[in-house]
Protein backbone atom coordinates (compact mmCIF):
# COMPACT_ATOMS: atom_id res chain seq x y z
CA UNK A 1 73.52 -78.31 9.02
CA UNK A 2 74.75 -81.88 8.87
CA UNK A 3 74.77 -83.19 5.36
CA UNK A 4 72.67 -86.21 4.70
CA UNK A 5 74.03 -88.56 2.01
CA UNK A 6 74.50 -92.49 1.61
CA UNK A 7 78.22 -92.11 1.15
CA UNK A 8 81.14 -93.92 2.94
CA UNK A 9 84.41 -92.45 2.99
CA UNK A 10 84.80 -88.67 1.36
CA UNK A 11 88.21 -89.71 0.10
CA UNK A 12 86.84 -92.55 -2.03
CA UNK A 13 83.90 -91.01 -3.50
CA UNK A 14 84.69 -91.14 -7.15
CA UNK A 15 86.31 -94.44 -6.95
CA UNK A 16 83.25 -96.00 -5.09
CA UNK A 17 80.92 -94.13 -7.81
CA UNK A 18 82.85 -96.00 -10.53
CA UNK A 19 82.72 -99.40 -8.94
CA UNK A 20 78.99 -99.17 -8.42
CA UNK A 21 78.71 -98.06 -12.11
CA UNK A 22 80.99 -100.82 -13.58
CA UNK A 23 78.86 -103.09 -11.77
CA UNK A 24 75.18 -101.59 -12.93
CA UNK A 25 76.51 -101.20 -16.49
CA UNK A 26 78.67 -104.03 -17.12
CA UNK A 27 77.12 -105.14 -20.45
CA UNK A 28 78.01 -101.44 -21.83
CA UNK A 29 81.00 -100.30 -20.38
CA UNK A 30 84.41 -101.10 -18.67
CA UNK A 31 86.04 -99.17 -16.04
CA UNK A 32 90.14 -99.03 -15.85
CA UNK A 33 90.76 -96.79 -12.84
CA UNK A 34 88.99 -93.50 -14.06
CA UNK A 35 88.63 -94.36 -17.64
CA UNK A 36 85.06 -95.10 -18.50
CA UNK A 37 85.41 -97.39 -21.47
CA UNK A 38 82.83 -98.37 -24.24
CA UNK A 39 82.49 -101.91 -24.97
CA UNK A 40 82.11 -101.29 -28.64
CA UNK A 41 85.64 -99.72 -28.52
CA UNK A 42 87.66 -102.92 -29.22
CA UNK A 43 85.94 -103.40 -32.50
CA UNK A 44 85.79 -99.79 -33.71
CA UNK A 45 87.15 -99.05 -37.22
CA UNK A 46 86.27 -95.45 -37.29
CA UNK A 47 87.14 -92.09 -35.71
CA UNK A 48 86.76 -92.65 -32.15
CA UNK A 49 85.51 -90.06 -29.25
CA UNK A 50 86.87 -89.08 -25.74
CA UNK A 51 85.75 -86.63 -23.29
CA UNK A 52 86.82 -85.59 -19.87
CA UNK A 53 85.21 -84.19 -16.62
CA UNK A 54 85.08 -84.18 -13.04
CA UNK A 55 82.42 -86.91 -11.26
CA UNK A 56 79.47 -85.05 -9.33
CA UNK A 57 77.52 -84.57 -12.30
CA UNK A 58 76.03 -87.76 -12.69
CA UNK A 59 74.75 -89.37 -15.32
CA UNK A 60 76.96 -86.98 -17.45
CA UNK A 61 79.44 -87.79 -18.63
CA UNK A 62 80.36 -91.46 -17.92
CA UNK A 63 76.62 -92.27 -18.41
CA UNK A 64 76.91 -91.51 -21.98
CA UNK A 65 79.63 -93.83 -22.59
CA UNK A 66 78.73 -96.64 -25.21
CA UNK A 67 77.16 -97.56 -28.50
CA UNK A 68 76.91 -94.50 -30.54
CA UNK A 69 78.17 -91.92 -27.89
CA UNK A 70 81.53 -91.76 -26.12
CA UNK A 71 84.18 -94.12 -26.48
CA UNK A 72 86.03 -93.26 -23.61
CA UNK A 73 85.57 -91.06 -20.61
CA UNK A 74 87.89 -89.75 -18.41
CA UNK A 75 86.71 -88.97 -15.11
CA UNK A 76 88.42 -86.63 -12.66
CA UNK A 77 87.78 -86.14 -8.76
CA UNK A 78 84.45 -84.30 -7.72
CA UNK A 79 83.98 -81.15 -9.57
CA UNK A 80 87.61 -81.46 -10.69
CA UNK A 81 89.42 -82.17 -14.13
CA UNK A 82 91.58 -85.42 -14.45
CA UNK A 83 95.14 -85.35 -14.95
CA UNK A 84 96.48 -84.89 -18.57
CA UNK A 85 98.25 -88.08 -18.47
CA UNK A 86 95.37 -90.03 -17.64
CA UNK A 87 93.29 -88.07 -20.99
CA UNK A 88 96.80 -88.95 -22.82
CA UNK A 89 96.22 -92.61 -22.10
CA UNK A 90 92.59 -92.70 -23.18
CA UNK A 91 93.41 -91.03 -26.37
CA UNK A 92 96.20 -93.65 -27.19
CA UNK A 93 93.86 -96.47 -26.22
CA UNK A 94 90.80 -94.80 -28.29
CA UNK A 95 92.97 -94.51 -31.43
CA UNK A 96 92.00 -96.95 -34.13
CA UNK A 97 93.94 -95.19 -36.71
CA UNK A 98 91.32 -92.98 -37.83
CA UNK A 99 92.09 -90.30 -35.31
CA UNK A 100 90.36 -89.20 -31.97
CA UNK A 101 88.03 -86.45 -31.50
CA UNK A 102 88.54 -84.66 -28.10
CA UNK A 103 85.16 -83.28 -26.76
CA UNK A 104 85.54 -80.45 -24.07
CA UNK A 105 83.43 -78.59 -21.78
CA UNK A 106 84.85 -74.93 -21.45
CA UNK A 107 85.86 -75.06 -17.81
CA UNK A 108 89.33 -73.74 -16.46
CA UNK A 109 90.44 -77.11 -15.59
CA UNK A 110 89.15 -79.26 -18.47
CA UNK A 111 90.64 -76.52 -20.76
CA UNK A 112 94.00 -76.64 -19.39
CA UNK A 113 94.06 -80.47 -19.21
CA UNK A 114 92.88 -80.66 -22.88
CA UNK A 115 95.44 -78.25 -24.16
CA UNK A 116 98.20 -80.08 -22.52
CA UNK A 117 96.88 -83.49 -24.16
CA UNK A 118 96.83 -82.00 -27.37
CA UNK A 119 100.45 -80.87 -27.02
CA UNK A 120 101.31 -84.82 -26.04
CA UNK A 121 99.19 -86.19 -28.81
CA UNK A 122 101.04 -84.25 -31.22
CA UNK A 123 104.44 -85.30 -29.88
CA UNK A 124 103.28 -89.10 -30.19
CA UNK A 125 102.16 -88.40 -33.56
CA UNK A 126 98.50 -88.97 -32.96
CA UNK A 127 95.93 -87.24 -34.70
CA UNK A 128 93.44 -85.56 -32.46
CA UNK A 129 90.86 -82.69 -33.31
CA UNK A 130 89.56 -80.91 -30.45
CA UNK A 131 85.90 -79.18 -30.17
CA UNK A 132 85.07 -77.25 -27.31
CA UNK A 133 81.34 -76.78 -26.09
CA UNK A 134 80.72 -73.38 -24.59
CA UNK A 135 77.33 -72.32 -24.67
CA UNK A 136 76.34 -70.88 -21.45
CA UNK A 137 74.78 -67.61 -22.52
CA UNK A 138 74.73 -65.97 -19.10
CA UNK A 139 78.54 -65.01 -18.84
CA UNK A 140 79.39 -63.85 -22.14
CA UNK A 141 77.86 -62.55 -25.60
CA UNK A 142 78.38 -64.82 -28.30
CA UNK A 143 81.33 -62.77 -29.90
CA UNK A 144 82.93 -63.69 -26.66
CA UNK A 145 82.27 -67.48 -27.09
CA UNK A 146 85.56 -68.10 -25.78
CA UNK A 147 84.35 -66.82 -22.33
CA UNK A 148 81.46 -69.15 -21.96
CA UNK A 149 81.14 -72.11 -19.96
CA UNK A 150 80.09 -75.70 -21.33
CA UNK A 151 76.56 -76.90 -19.86
CA UNK A 152 74.61 -79.74 -20.79
CA UNK A 153 74.43 -79.07 -24.52
CA UNK A 154 77.43 -81.12 -24.97
CA UNK A 155 75.42 -84.40 -24.41
CA UNK A 156 73.14 -84.32 -27.56
CA UNK A 157 76.29 -83.17 -29.58
CA UNK A 158 78.18 -86.33 -28.24
CA UNK A 159 75.61 -88.23 -30.16
CA UNK A 160 75.51 -86.29 -33.23
CA UNK A 161 79.36 -86.65 -33.69
CA UNK A 162 79.59 -90.35 -32.93
CA UNK A 163 76.61 -90.72 -35.47
CA UNK A 164 78.76 -89.17 -37.97
CA UNK A 165 81.72 -91.47 -37.09
CA UNK A 166 79.72 -94.46 -37.41
CA UNK A 167 78.89 -93.24 -41.06
CA UNK A 168 82.37 -93.52 -41.66
CA UNK A 169 83.46 -89.79 -41.81
CA UNK A 170 86.74 -88.58 -41.59
CA UNK A 171 88.02 -86.79 -38.31
CA UNK A 172 87.91 -83.45 -40.12
CA UNK A 173 84.49 -84.38 -41.00
CA UNK A 174 83.38 -85.37 -37.68
CA UNK A 175 85.13 -82.53 -35.83
CA UNK A 176 83.44 -80.03 -38.39
CA UNK A 177 79.86 -81.55 -37.83
CA UNK A 178 80.55 -81.13 -34.25
CA UNK A 179 81.44 -77.78 -34.17
CA UNK A 180 78.91 -76.91 -36.31
CA UNK A 181 76.31 -78.06 -33.71
CA UNK A 182 78.42 -76.54 -31.08
CA UNK A 183 77.99 -73.26 -32.81
CA UNK A 184 74.13 -73.88 -33.53
CA UNK A 185 73.08 -74.08 -29.42
CA UNK A 186 72.66 -72.17 -26.37
CA UNK A 187 71.96 -72.80 -22.79
CA UNK A 188 70.96 -70.96 -19.90
CA UNK A 189 70.45 -72.25 -16.53
CA UNK A 190 68.15 -71.13 -13.57
CA UNK A 191 68.79 -72.45 -9.61
CA UNK A 192 66.20 -72.34 -7.03
CA UNK A 193 68.41 -74.17 -4.52
CA UNK A 194 71.93 -74.63 -4.39
CA UNK A 195 74.21 -77.80 -4.29
CA UNK A 196 76.38 -79.02 -1.37
CA UNK A 197 79.78 -80.47 -1.98
CA UNK A 198 79.55 -84.31 -1.22
CA UNK A 199 83.12 -84.29 0.18
CA UNK A 200 82.49 -81.82 3.17
CA UNK A 201 79.18 -80.58 3.19
CA UNK A 202 79.64 -77.16 2.16
CA UNK A 203 77.01 -75.31 0.05
CA UNK A 204 77.47 -73.42 -2.97
CA UNK A 205 75.65 -70.55 -1.96
CA UNK A 206 72.14 -69.52 -0.28
CA UNK A 207 68.94 -68.34 -2.64
CA UNK A 208 66.52 -68.15 0.29
CA UNK A 209 63.05 -69.15 0.50
CA UNK A 210 61.71 -66.76 -2.36
CA UNK A 211 64.44 -66.32 -4.83
CA UNK A 212 65.73 -68.09 -7.81
CA UNK A 213 68.86 -66.91 -10.03
CA UNK A 214 69.05 -66.97 -13.65
CA UNK A 215 72.59 -67.75 -15.01
CA UNK A 216 74.03 -69.74 -11.99
CA UNK A 217 76.74 -71.66 -13.32
CA UNK A 218 77.27 -75.70 -12.24
CA UNK A 219 79.22 -75.17 -9.56
CA UNK A 220 77.85 -72.29 -8.20
CA UNK A 221 79.11 -69.58 -10.18
CA UNK A 222 76.92 -66.44 -10.03
CA UNK A 223 74.65 -65.39 -12.76
CA UNK A 224 73.74 -61.98 -12.03
CA UNK A 225 69.89 -63.12 -12.90
CA UNK A 226 68.57 -63.15 -9.11
CA UNK A 227 65.17 -62.32 -8.71
CA UNK A 228 61.87 -63.55 -7.01
CA UNK A 229 60.63 -67.08 -7.86
CA UNK A 230 58.58 -67.26 -11.17
CA UNK A 231 56.22 -69.55 -12.35
CA UNK A 232 57.25 -72.02 -15.16
CA UNK A 233 55.56 -69.92 -17.90
CA UNK A 234 57.25 -67.14 -16.62
CA UNK A 235 60.47 -68.53 -16.26
CA UNK A 236 60.46 -70.15 -19.54
CA UNK A 237 59.46 -66.77 -21.34
CA UNK A 238 62.49 -65.41 -20.11
CA UNK A 239 65.10 -68.06 -20.78
CA UNK A 240 63.49 -69.28 -24.08
CA UNK A 241 63.50 -65.63 -25.33
CA UNK A 242 67.50 -65.03 -24.45
CA UNK A 243 68.32 -68.20 -26.21
CA UNK A 244 66.07 -67.61 -29.42
CA UNK A 245 67.87 -64.02 -29.63
CA UNK A 246 71.36 -65.82 -29.04
CA UNK A 247 71.10 -68.40 -31.46
CA UNK A 248 69.19 -67.08 -33.29
CA UNK A 249 66.12 -68.63 -34.46
CA UNK A 250 63.35 -67.30 -36.66
CA UNK A 251 59.74 -68.39 -38.13
CA UNK A 252 60.08 -71.61 -39.88
CA UNK A 253 63.15 -73.01 -38.08
CA UNK A 254 63.50 -76.50 -36.53
CA UNK A 255 65.13 -77.09 -32.83
CA UNK A 256 65.88 -79.31 -30.22
CA UNK A 257 64.82 -78.49 -26.62
CA UNK A 258 66.60 -79.93 -23.64
CA UNK A 259 65.25 -79.54 -20.01
CA UNK A 260 68.08 -80.66 -18.02
CA UNK A 261 67.40 -81.17 -14.25
CA UNK A 262 69.88 -80.23 -12.19
CA UNK A 263 69.49 -82.88 -9.43
CA UNK A 264 66.55 -81.93 -7.13
CA UNK A 265 63.79 -81.10 -9.49
CA UNK A 266 61.12 -83.05 -10.12
CA UNK A 267 59.69 -84.85 -13.17
CA UNK A 268 56.59 -82.98 -12.70
CA UNK A 269 58.40 -79.60 -13.10
CA UNK A 270 60.41 -80.66 -16.12
CA UNK A 271 57.48 -82.06 -18.06
CA UNK A 272 55.43 -78.79 -17.39
CA UNK A 273 58.57 -76.56 -18.10
CA UNK A 274 59.06 -78.68 -21.60
CA UNK A 275 55.36 -78.22 -22.38
CA UNK A 276 55.53 -74.53 -21.69
CA UNK A 277 58.95 -74.14 -23.85
CA UNK A 278 57.16 -75.88 -26.79
CA UNK A 279 54.11 -73.68 -26.56
CA UNK A 280 56.58 -70.59 -26.57
CA UNK A 281 58.35 -71.72 -29.40
CA UNK A 282 55.31 -72.69 -31.69
CA UNK A 283 53.80 -69.25 -30.81
CA UNK A 284 56.97 -67.83 -32.69
CA UNK A 285 56.72 -70.17 -35.61
CA UNK A 286 59.71 -72.44 -34.40
CA UNK A 287 58.99 -76.31 -34.56
CA UNK A 288 60.48 -78.59 -32.14
CA UNK A 289 61.53 -81.73 -33.86
CA UNK A 290 63.35 -83.49 -30.88
CA UNK A 291 64.10 -83.15 -27.15
CA UNK A 292 65.70 -84.37 -23.99
CA UNK A 293 63.89 -83.87 -20.81
CA UNK A 294 65.24 -85.31 -17.41
CA UNK A 295 68.53 -85.61 -15.33
CA UNK A 296 71.16 -85.41 -17.68
CA UNK A 297 73.90 -83.30 -16.28
CA UNK A 298 73.42 -82.80 -12.57
CA UNK A 299 75.22 -80.86 -9.54
CA UNK A 300 74.29 -83.11 -6.50
CA UNK A 301 71.13 -81.74 -4.92
CA UNK A 302 70.94 -78.30 -6.62
CA UNK A 303 67.12 -77.47 -7.54
CA UNK A 304 66.79 -75.77 -10.71
CA UNK A 305 67.34 -76.56 -14.48
CA UNK A 306 69.25 -75.81 -17.54
CA UNK A 307 67.45 -74.86 -21.09
CA UNK A 308 69.27 -75.90 -24.05
CA UNK A 309 68.07 -75.11 -27.56
CA UNK A 310 69.91 -76.09 -30.83
CA UNK A 311 68.87 -75.03 -34.12
CA UNK A 312 68.41 -78.28 -36.43
CA UNK A 313 68.79 -78.96 -40.15
CA UNK A 314 68.42 -81.95 -42.05
CA UNK A 315 71.68 -83.55 -41.75
CA UNK A 316 71.52 -83.10 -37.65
CA UNK A 317 67.84 -84.71 -37.60
CA UNK A 318 69.26 -87.77 -39.45
CA UNK A 319 72.06 -88.00 -37.30
CA UNK A 320 70.26 -88.06 -34.18
CA UNK A 321 68.12 -90.72 -35.34
CA UNK A 322 71.18 -93.19 -35.55
CA UNK A 323 70.65 -96.15 -32.88
CA UNK A 324 72.75 -95.49 -29.81
CA UNK A 325 72.98 -97.23 -26.35
CA UNK A 326 74.14 -95.92 -23.27
CA UNK A 327 73.38 -96.42 -19.57
CA UNK A 328 71.73 -92.79 -19.80
CA UNK A 329 70.49 -92.88 -23.48
CA UNK A 330 69.12 -94.82 -25.87
CA UNK A 331 67.68 -94.22 -29.68
């Protein structure tokens, strides 16, 4: 079947995407090549934050560059990590004398790139701490967290870490807060229809007319949870139960809930899913104190969603309420 997307040249997808984004968010960001740079960076006197990742997941991650979140996002081609040299250039640009926090989602290309950047920064005597998000519970148990993929849970972590940096905390303090948040969250996804690659139209898979797959990754990786399509309440019961056990959450705990649409899930569905998740957690005596609902980290037109839950404490809640403004997020 012919792909229907409003594109021009498959070879310039990311370049054109970033050109359009620079025009749309000209009050918030500058774009230099594949670097998306917050306009607040030039006056930053604090720890700064750099992240990296391929295009094709909009608004993540570039949509979260701005005041109170990411300082520089290094954008790779569609579903591909950027080059280590480009990330190293971003680290040098971001460094304001207080150190740089490099936040990385656990995917093979991103990790290889980040590890090389850390060596380059060490040789250049630039102080960098790396924090990895690896919260996808579907492909490894918590004791093997290094094998878990990074999903949409990175987005709230960006704001928590940036708020800590705004308070003047040291690089080690900011990195420790980011790591604590990364350790306190978990995500699981479900897909009901797979995406197509925007450069060639190839599908990531076929889930048929009646099935869904719990645990499918951002790039079509199998999750092992293929089953007949279920209602919102039934799906939330399966997914939220798994997350509560993994974190773990107990009666009296406070938490954050994200319903992240994958690109082709309606807001009607997302709000119903959120309502069902809040009710599920309340029945366990767990209080939902903050949320994100919407398309946050997408996979083109994949239909489904990611459910992210994080255990919160008073410090996390305070940091979350710090003002922030990006193209895709504001507090």
